[in-house]
Amino acid sequence: MTNGNVIHRIVGVVGERFILQGDNKPGIDPWKPAAGDILGKLWLHIPDAGEWMEKLQEPLWLAVFIAIICFVLLL
């Protein structure tokens, strides 16, 4: 059990307990909270957003993204 709030993804359910995993962790968390322990909920889901964010770290993709934003703003 943790002493504070934790922001981790729910990756599975076992019985009435949730399996959590942090985005930068290779394994699942040892703590398996029940429904009453969960404070938040999913309010936005963008499929493959992480992959797109990784691509924006490359200069070519960042330039393409900025060009598209500029084009849309000029319209």
PDB file of N, CA and C in Angstrom:
ATOM      1  N   MET A   1       0.843  -1.187   0.000  1.00  0.00           N
ATOM      2  CA  MET A   1       0.000   0.000   0.000  1.00  0.00           C
ATOM      3  C   MET A   1       0.879   1.238   0.000  1.00  0.00           C
ATOM      4  N   THR A   2       0.451   2.247  -0.685  1.00  0.00           N
ATOM      5  CA  THR A   2       1.216   3.484  -0.812  1.00  0.00           C
ATOM      6  C   THR A   2       0.705   4.540   0.165  1.00  0.00           C
ATOM      7  N   ASN A   3       1.550   5.506   0.480  1.00  0.00           N
ATOM      8  CA  ASN A   3       1.172   6.570   1.403  1.00  0.00           C
ATOM      9  C   ASN A   3       0.672   7.819   0.697  1.00  0.00           C
ATOM     10  N   GLY A   4       0.582   7.820  -0.603  1.00  0.00           N
ATOM     11  CA  GLY A   4       0.135   8.981  -1.363  1.00  0.00           C
ATOM     12  C   GLY A   4      -0.618   8.548  -2.603  1.00  0.00           C
ATOM     13  N   ASN A   5      -0.922   9.529  -3.433  1.00  0.00           N
ATOM     14  CA  ASN A   5      -1.604   9.230  -4.692  1.00  0.00           C
ATOM     15  C   ASN A   5      -0.589   8.778  -5.730  1.00  0.00           C
ATOM     16  N   VAL A   6      -0.989   7.823  -6.556  1.00  0.00           N
ATOM     17  CA  VAL A   6      -0.139   7.279  -7.598  1.00  0.00           C
ATOM     18  C   VAL A   6      -0.891   7.382  -8.911  1.00  0.00           C
ATOM     19  N   ILE A   7      -0.204   7.822  -9.962  1.00  0.00           N
ATOM     20  CA  ILE A   7      -0.829   7.879 -11.284  1.00  0.00           C
ATOM     21  C   ILE A   7      -0.220   6.760 -12.114  1.00  0.00           C
ATOM     22  N   HIS A   8      -0.967   5.686 -12.257  1.00  0.00           N
ATOM     23  CA  HIS A   8      -0.529   4.546 -13.052  1.00  0.00           C
ATOM     24  C   HIS A   8      -1.698   4.048 -13.880  1.00  0.00           C
ATOM     25  N   ARG A   9      -1.360   3.350 -14.921  1.00  0.00           N
ATOM     26  CA  ARG A   9      -2.368   2.801 -15.833  1.00  0.00           C
ATOM     27  C   ARG A   9      -2.900   1.475 -15.294  1.00  0.00           C
ATOM     28  N   ILE A  10      -4.202   1.279 -15.424  1.00  0.00           N
ATOM     29  CA  ILE A  10      -4.804  -0.014 -15.093  1.00  0.00           C
ATOM     30  C   ILE A  10      -4.589  -0.912 -16.303  1.00  0.00           C
ATOM     31  N   VAL A  11      -3.873  -2.023 -16.100  1.00  0.00           N
ATOM     32  CA  VAL A  11      -3.557  -2.916 -17.214  1.00  0.00           C
ATOM     33  C   VAL A  11      -4.302  -4.244 -17.132  1.00  0.00           C
ATOM     34  N   GLY A  12      -5.033  -4.452 -16.067  1.00  0.00           N
ATOM     35  CA  GLY A  12      -5.771  -5.704 -15.941  1.00  0.00           C
ATOM     36  C   GLY A  12      -6.602  -5.733 -14.676  1.00  0.00           C
ATOM     37  N   VAL A  13      -7.406  -6.771 -14.565  1.00  0.00           N
ATOM     38  CA  VAL A  13      -8.267  -6.958 -13.399  1.00  0.00           C
ATOM     39  C   VAL A  13      -8.173  -8.425 -12.979  1.00  0.00           C
ATOM     40  N   VAL A  14      -8.002  -8.637 -11.669  1.00  0.00           N
ATOM     41  CA  VAL A  14      -8.009  -9.982 -11.110  1.00  0.00           C
ATOM     42  C   VAL A  14      -9.058  -9.982 -10.005  1.00  0.00           C
ATOM     43  N   GLY A  15     -10.158 -10.660 -10.255  1.00  0.00           N
ATOM     44  CA  GLY A  15     -11.251 -10.639  -9.287  1.00  0.00           C
ATOM     45  C   GLY A  15     -11.784  -9.228  -9.155  1.00  0.00           C
ATOM     46  N   GLU A  16     -11.723  -8.693  -7.935  1.00  0.00           N
ATOM     47  CA  GLU A  16     -12.173  -7.319  -7.699  1.00  0.00           C
ATOM     48  C   GLU A  16     -11.000  -6.368  -7.482  1.00  0.00           C
ATOM     49  N   ARG A  17      -9.817  -6.778  -7.899  1.00  0.00           N
ATOM     50  CA  ARG A  17      -8.609  -5.961  -7.751  1.00  0.00           C
ATOM     51  C   ARG A  17      -8.080  -5.558  -9.119  1.00  0.00           C
ATOM     52  N   PHE A  18      -7.429  -4.401  -9.169  1.00  0.00           N
ATOM     53  CA  PHE A  18      -6.869  -3.897 -10.411  1.00  0.00           C
ATOM     54  C   PHE A  18      -5.358  -4.122 -10.434  1.00  0.00           C
ATOM     55  N   ILE A  19      -4.831  -4.389 -11.623  1.00  0.00           N
ATOM     56  CA  ILE A  19      -3.396  -4.529 -11.821  1.00  0.00           C
ATOM     57  C   ILE A  19      -2.922  -3.217 -12.442  1.00  0.00           C
ATOM     58  N   LEU A  20      -1.928  -2.583 -11.807  1.00  0.00           N
ATOM     59  CA  LEU A  20      -1.431  -1.292 -12.255  1.00  0.00           C
ATOM     60  C   LEU A  20      -0.009  -1.413 -12.787  1.00  0.00           C
ATOM     61  N   GLN A  21       0.328  -0.494 -13.690  1.00  0.00           N
ATOM     62  CA  GLN A  21       1.696  -0.419 -14.200  1.00  0.00           C
ATOM     63  C   GLN A  21       1.971   1.020 -14.596  1.00  0.00           C
ATOM     64  N   GLY A  22       3.126   1.537 -14.178  1.00  0.00           N
ATOM     65  CA  GLY A  22       3.550   2.866 -14.588  1.00  0.00           C
ATOM     66  C   GLY A  22       4.034   2.844 -16.023  1.00  0.00           C
ATOM     67  N   ASP A  23       3.944   3.978 -16.686  1.00  0.00           N
ATOM     68  CA  ASP A  23       4.346   4.048 -18.094  1.00  0.00           C
ATOM     69  C   ASP A  23       5.827   3.791 -18.298  1.00  0.00           C
ATOM     70  N   ASN A  24       6.654   4.118 -17.318  1.00  0.00           N
ATOM     71  CA  ASN A  24       8.094   3.937 -17.466  1.00  0.00           C
ATOM     72  C   ASN A  24       8.620   2.776 -16.638  1.00  0.00           C
ATOM     73  N   LYS A  25       7.752   1.845 -16.303  1.00  0.00           N
ATOM     74  CA  LYS A  25       8.157   0.680 -15.523  1.00  0.00           C
ATOM     75  C   LYS A  25       8.028  -0.578 -16.372  1.00  0.00           C
ATOM     76  N   PRO A  26       9.003  -1.469 -16.299  1.00  0.00           N
ATOM     77  CA  PRO A  26       8.913  -2.694 -17.098  1.00  0.00           C
ATOM     78  C   PRO A  26       7.934  -3.713 -16.529  1.00  0.00           C
ATOM     79  N   GLY A  27       7.642  -3.656 -15.246  1.00  0.00           N
ATOM     80  CA  GLY A  27       6.771  -4.653 -14.626  1.00  0.00           C
ATOM     81  C   GLY A  27       5.563  -4.025 -13.956  1.00  0.00           C
ATOM     82  N   ILE A  28       4.672  -4.887 -13.505  1.00  0.00           N
ATOM     83  CA  ILE A  28       3.461  -4.412 -12.843  1.00  0.00           C
ATOM     84  C   ILE A  28       3.763  -4.033 -11.394  1.00  0.00           C
ATOM     85  N   ASP A  29       2.882  -3.231 -10.814  1.00  0.00           N
ATOM     86  CA  ASP A  29       3.025  -2.821  -9.420  1.00  0.00           C
ATOM     87  C   ASP A  29       2.643  -3.968  -8.496  1.00  0.00           C
ATOM     88  N   PRO A  30       3.308  -4.080  -7.351  1.00  0.00           N
ATOM     89  CA  PRO A  30       2.949  -5.143  -6.408  1.00  0.00           C
ATOM     90  C   PRO A  30       1.601  -4.888  -5.729  1.00  0.00           C
ATOM     91  N   TRP A  31       1.227  -3.616  -5.590  1.00  0.00           N
ATOM     92  CA  TRP A  31      -0.039  -3.272  -4.940  1.00  0.00           C
ATOM     93  C   TRP A  31      -1.171  -3.414  -5.937  1.00  0.00           C
ATOM     94  N   LYS A  32      -2.239  -4.074  -5.532  1.00  0.00           N
ATOM     95  CA  LYS A  32      -3.403  -4.275  -6.389  1.00  0.00           C
ATOM     96  C   LYS A  32      -4.625  -3.665  -5.700  1.00  0.00           C
ATOM     97  N   PRO A  33      -4.945  -2.409  -6.048  1.00  0.00           N
ATOM     98  CA  PRO A  33      -6.027  -1.712  -5.373  1.00  0.00           C
ATOM     99  C   PRO A  33      -7.408  -2.250  -5.746  1.00  0.00           C
ATOM    100  N   ALA A  34      -8.356  -2.036  -4.837  1.00  0.00           N
ATOM    101  CA  ALA A  34      -9.766  -2.351  -5.090  1.00  0.00           C
ATOM    102  C   ALA A  34     -10.434  -1.115  -5.689  1.00  0.00           C
ATOM    103  N   ALA A  35     -11.672  -1.252  -6.122  1.00  0.00           N
ATOM    104  CA  ALA A  35     -12.390  -0.144  -6.754  1.00  0.00           C
ATOM    105  C   ALA A  35     -12.463   1.078  -5.833  1.00  0.00           C
ATOM    106  N   GLY A  36     -12.612   0.874  -4.545  1.00  0.00           N
ATOM    107  CA  GLY A  36     -12.695   1.985  -3.603  1.00  0.00           C
ATOM    108  C   GLY A  36     -11.398   2.756  -3.448  1.00  0.00           C
ATOM    109  N   ASP A  37     -10.289   2.168  -3.874  1.00  0.00           N
ATOM    110  CA  ASP A  37      -8.988   2.837  -3.782  1.00  0.00           C
ATOM    111  C   ASP A  37      -8.688   3.722  -4.988  1.00  0.00           C
ATOM    112  N   ILE A  38      -9.467   3.596  -6.053  1.00  0.00           N
ATOM    113  CA  ILE A  38      -9.238   4.346  -7.288  1.00  0.00           C
ATOM    114  C   ILE A  38      -9.905   5.714  -7.175  1.00  0.00           C
ATOM    115  N   LEU A  39      -9.126   6.781  -7.378  1.00  0.00           N
ATOM    116  CA  LEU A  39      -9.649   8.141  -7.237  1.00  0.00           C
ATOM    117  C   LEU A  39     -10.094   8.750  -8.564  1.00  0.00           C
ATOM    118  N   GLY A  40      -9.409   8.458  -9.634  1.00  0.00           N
ATOM    119  CA  GLY A  40      -9.694   9.109 -10.911  1.00  0.00           C
ATOM    120  C   GLY A  40     -10.356   8.181 -11.903  1.00  0.00           C
ATOM    121  N   LYS A  41     -10.516   8.705 -13.110  1.00  0.00           N
ATOM    122  CA  LYS A  41     -11.071   7.896 -14.185  1.00  0.00           C
ATOM    123  C   LYS A  41     -10.524   8.421 -15.509  1.00  0.00           C
ATOM    124  N   LEU A  42     -10.596   7.615 -16.519  1.00  0.00           N
ATOM    125  CA  LEU A  42     -10.162   7.996 -17.852  1.00  0.00           C
ATOM    126  C   LEU A  42     -11.113   9.053 -18.390  1.00  0.00           C
ATOM    127  N   TRP A  43     -10.553  10.185 -18.844  1.00  0.00           N
ATOM    128  CA  TRP A  43     -11.417  11.220 -19.416  1.00  0.00           C
ATOM    129  C   TRP A  43     -11.037  11.587 -20.837  1.00  0.00           C
ATOM    130  N   LEU A  44      -9.902  11.069 -21.297  1.00  0.00           N
ATOM    131  CA  LEU A  44      -9.503  11.293 -22.680  1.00  0.00           C
ATOM    132  C   LEU A  44      -8.623  10.134 -23.126  1.00  0.00           C
ATOM    133  N   HIS A  45      -8.921   9.577 -24.273  1.00  0.00           N
ATOM    134  CA  HIS A  45      -8.110   8.495 -24.826  1.00  0.00           C
ATOM    135  C   HIS A  45      -7.774   8.844 -26.267  1.00  0.00           C
ATOM    136  N   ILE A  46      -6.492   8.948 -26.547  1.00  0.00           N
ATOM    137  CA  ILE A  46      -6.032   9.218 -27.906  1.00  0.00           C
ATOM    138  C   ILE A  46      -5.194   8.024 -28.332  1.00  0.00           C
ATOM    139  N   PRO A  47      -5.732   7.167 -29.194  1.00  0.00           N
ATOM    140  CA  PRO A  47      -4.990   5.975 -29.609  1.00  0.00           C
ATOM    141  C   PRO A  47      -3.632   6.325 -30.223  1.00  0.00           C
ATOM    142  N   ASP A  48      -2.610   5.608 -29.813  1.00  0.00           N
ATOM    143  CA  ASP A  48      -1.249   5.752 -30.337  1.00  0.00           C
ATOM    144  C   ASP A  48      -0.637   7.128 -30.095  1.00  0.00           C
ATOM    145  N   ALA A  49      -1.143   7.880 -29.134  1.00  0.00           N
ATOM    146  CA  ALA A  49      -0.609   9.222 -28.865  1.00  0.00           C
ATOM    147  C   ALA A  49       0.862   9.155 -28.444  1.00  0.00           C
ATOM    148  N   GLY A  50       1.235   8.150 -27.674  1.00  0.00           N
ATOM    149  CA  GLY A  50       2.619   8.019 -27.239  1.00  0.00           C
ATOM    150  C   GLY A  50       3.575   7.855 -28.407  1.00  0.00           C
ATOM    151  N   GLU A  51       3.162   7.080 -29.394  1.00  0.00           N
ATOM    152  CA  GLU A  51       4.008   6.882 -30.577  1.00  0.00           C
ATOM    153  C   GLU A  51       4.177   8.180 -31.348  1.00  0.00           C
ATOM    154  N   TRP A  52       3.105   8.966 -31.458  1.00  0.00           N
ATOM    155  CA  TRP A  52       3.190  10.250 -32.163  1.00  0.00           C
ATOM    156  C   TRP A  52       4.072  11.231 -31.396  1.00  0.00           C
ATOM    157  N   MET A  53       3.997  11.214 -30.079  1.00  0.00           N
ATOM    158  CA  MET A  53       4.832  12.108 -29.278  1.00  0.00           C
ATOM    159  C   MET A  53       6.313  11.746 -29.445  1.00  0.00           C
ATOM    160  N   GLU A  54       6.611  10.461 -29.547  1.00  0.00           N
ATOM    161  CA  GLU A  54       7.996  10.043 -29.794  1.00  0.00           C
ATOM    162  C   GLU A  54       8.485  10.544 -31.148  1.00  0.00           C
ATOM    163  N   LYS A  55       7.630  10.472 -32.153  1.00  0.00           N
ATOM    164  CA  LYS A  55       8.010  10.936 -33.490  1.00  0.00           C
ATOM    165  C   LYS A  55       8.291  12.432 -33.501  1.00  0.00           C
ATOM    166  N   LEU A  56       7.560  13.198 -32.675  1.00  0.00           N
ATOM    167  CA  LEU A  56       7.759  14.646 -32.646  1.00  0.00           C
ATOM    168  C   LEU A  56       9.109  15.040 -32.053  1.00  0.00           C
ATOM    169  N   GLN A  57       9.804  14.097 -31.454  1.00  0.00           N
ATOM    170  CA  GLN A  57      11.139  14.384 -30.941  1.00  0.00           C
ATOM    171  C   GLN A  57      12.187  14.363 -32.056  1.00  0.00           C
ATOM    172  N   GLU A  58      11.807  13.846 -33.218  1.00  0.00           N
ATOM    173  CA  GLU A  58      12.700  13.837 -34.370  1.00  0.00           C
ATOM    174  C   GLU A  58      12.501  15.145 -35.144  1.00  0.00           C
ATOM    175  N   PRO A  59      13.591  15.824 -35.544  1.00  0.00           N
ATOM    176  CA  PRO A  59      13.477  17.137 -36.198  1.00  0.00           C
ATOM    177  C   PRO A  59      12.576  17.145 -37.437  1.00  0.00           C
ATOM    178  N   LEU A  60      12.643  16.121 -38.256  1.00  0.00           N
ATOM    179  CA  LEU A  60      11.827  16.105 -39.475  1.00  0.00           C
ATOM    180  C   LEU A  60      10.340  16.096 -39.135  1.00  0.00           C
ATOM    181  N   TRP A  61       9.915  15.213 -38.233  1.00  0.00           N
ATOM    182  CA  TRP A  61       8.500  15.126 -37.864  1.00  0.00           C
ATOM    183  C   TRP A  61       8.031  16.384 -37.137  1.00  0.00           C
ATOM    184  N   LEU A  62       8.917  16.977 -36.322  1.00  0.00           N
ATOM    185  CA  LEU A  62       8.564  18.218 -35.639  1.00  0.00           C
ATOM    186  C   LEU A  62       8.341  19.330 -36.656  1.00  0.00           C
ATOM    187  N   ALA A  63       9.201  19.405 -37.658  1.00  0.00           N
ATOM    188  CA  ALA A  63       9.043  20.417 -38.705  1.00  0.00           C
ATOM    189  C   ALA A  63       7.744  20.216 -39.482  1.00  0.00           C
ATOM    190  N   VAL A  64       7.415  18.968 -39.788  1.00  0.00           N
ATOM    191  CA  VAL A  64       6.160  18.669 -40.497  1.00  0.00           C
ATOM    192  C   VAL A  64       4.967  19.087 -39.637  1.00  0.00           C
ATOM    193  N   PHE A  65       5.010  18.778 -38.348  1.00  0.00           N
ATOM    194  CA  PHE A  65       3.922  19.131 -37.441  1.00  0.00           C
ATOM    195  C   PHE A  65       3.749  20.651 -37.366  1.00  0.00           C
ATOM    196  N   ILE A  66       4.854  21.375 -37.229  1.00  0.00           N
ATOM    197  CA  ILE A  66       4.786  22.840 -37.152  1.00  0.00           C
ATOM    198  C   ILE A  66       4.258  23.420 -38.457  1.00  0.00           C
ATOM    199  N   ALA A  67       4.674  22.852 -39.582  1.00  0.00           N
ATOM    200  CA  ALA A  67       4.183  23.320 -40.882  1.00  0.00           C
ATOM    201  C   ALA A  67       2.678  23.119 -41.004  1.00  0.00           C
ATOM    202  N   ILE A  68       2.180  21.993 -40.533  1.00  0.00           N
ATOM    203  CA  ILE A  68       0.732  21.726 -40.592  1.00  0.00           C
ATOM    204  C   ILE A  68      -0.020  22.711 -39.705  1.00  0.00           C
ATOM    205  N   ILE A  69       0.488  22.962 -38.501  1.00  0.00           N
ATOM    206  CA  ILE A  69      -0.158  23.909 -37.594  1.00  0.00           C
ATOM    207  C   ILE A  69      -0.188  25.304 -38.219  1.00  0.00           C
ATOM    208  N   CYS A  70       0.921  25.723 -38.804  1.00  0.00           N
ATOM    209  CA  CYS A  70       0.976  27.043 -39.450  1.00  0.00           C
ATOM    210  C   CYS A  70      -0.009  27.120 -40.607  1.00  0.00           C
ATOM    211  N   PHE A  71      -0.085  26.083 -41.400  1.00  0.00           N
ATOM    212  CA  PHE A  71      -1.021  26.057 -42.540  1.00  0.00           C
ATOM    213  C   PHE A  71      -2.469  26.180 -42.049  1.00  0.00           C
ATOM    214  N   VAL A  72      -2.804  25.433 -41.003  1.00  0.00           N
ATOM    215  CA  VAL A  72      -4.175  25.486 -40.463  1.00  0.00           C
ATOM    216  C   VAL A  72      -4.474  26.872 -39.902  1.00  0.00           C
ATOM    217  N   LEU A  73      -3.519  27.479 -39.210  1.00  0.00           N
ATOM    218  CA  LEU A  73      -3.737  28.815 -38.636  1.00  0.00           C
ATOM    219  C   LEU A  73      -3.887  29.883 -39.715  1.00  0.00           C
ATOM    220  N   LEU A  74      -3.183  29.716 -40.843  1.00  0.00           N
ATOM    221  CA  LEU A  74      -3.289  30.688 -41.915  1.00  0.00           C
ATOM    222  C   LEU A  74      -4.602  30.602 -42.664  1.00  0.00           C
ATOM    223  N   LEU A  75      -5.261  29.465 -42.596  1.00  0.00           N
ATOM    224  CA  LEU A  75      -6.578  29.345 -43.264  1.00  0.00           C
ATOM    225  C   LEU A  75      -7.574  30.100 -42.447  1.00  0.00           C
TER     226      LEU A  75
END
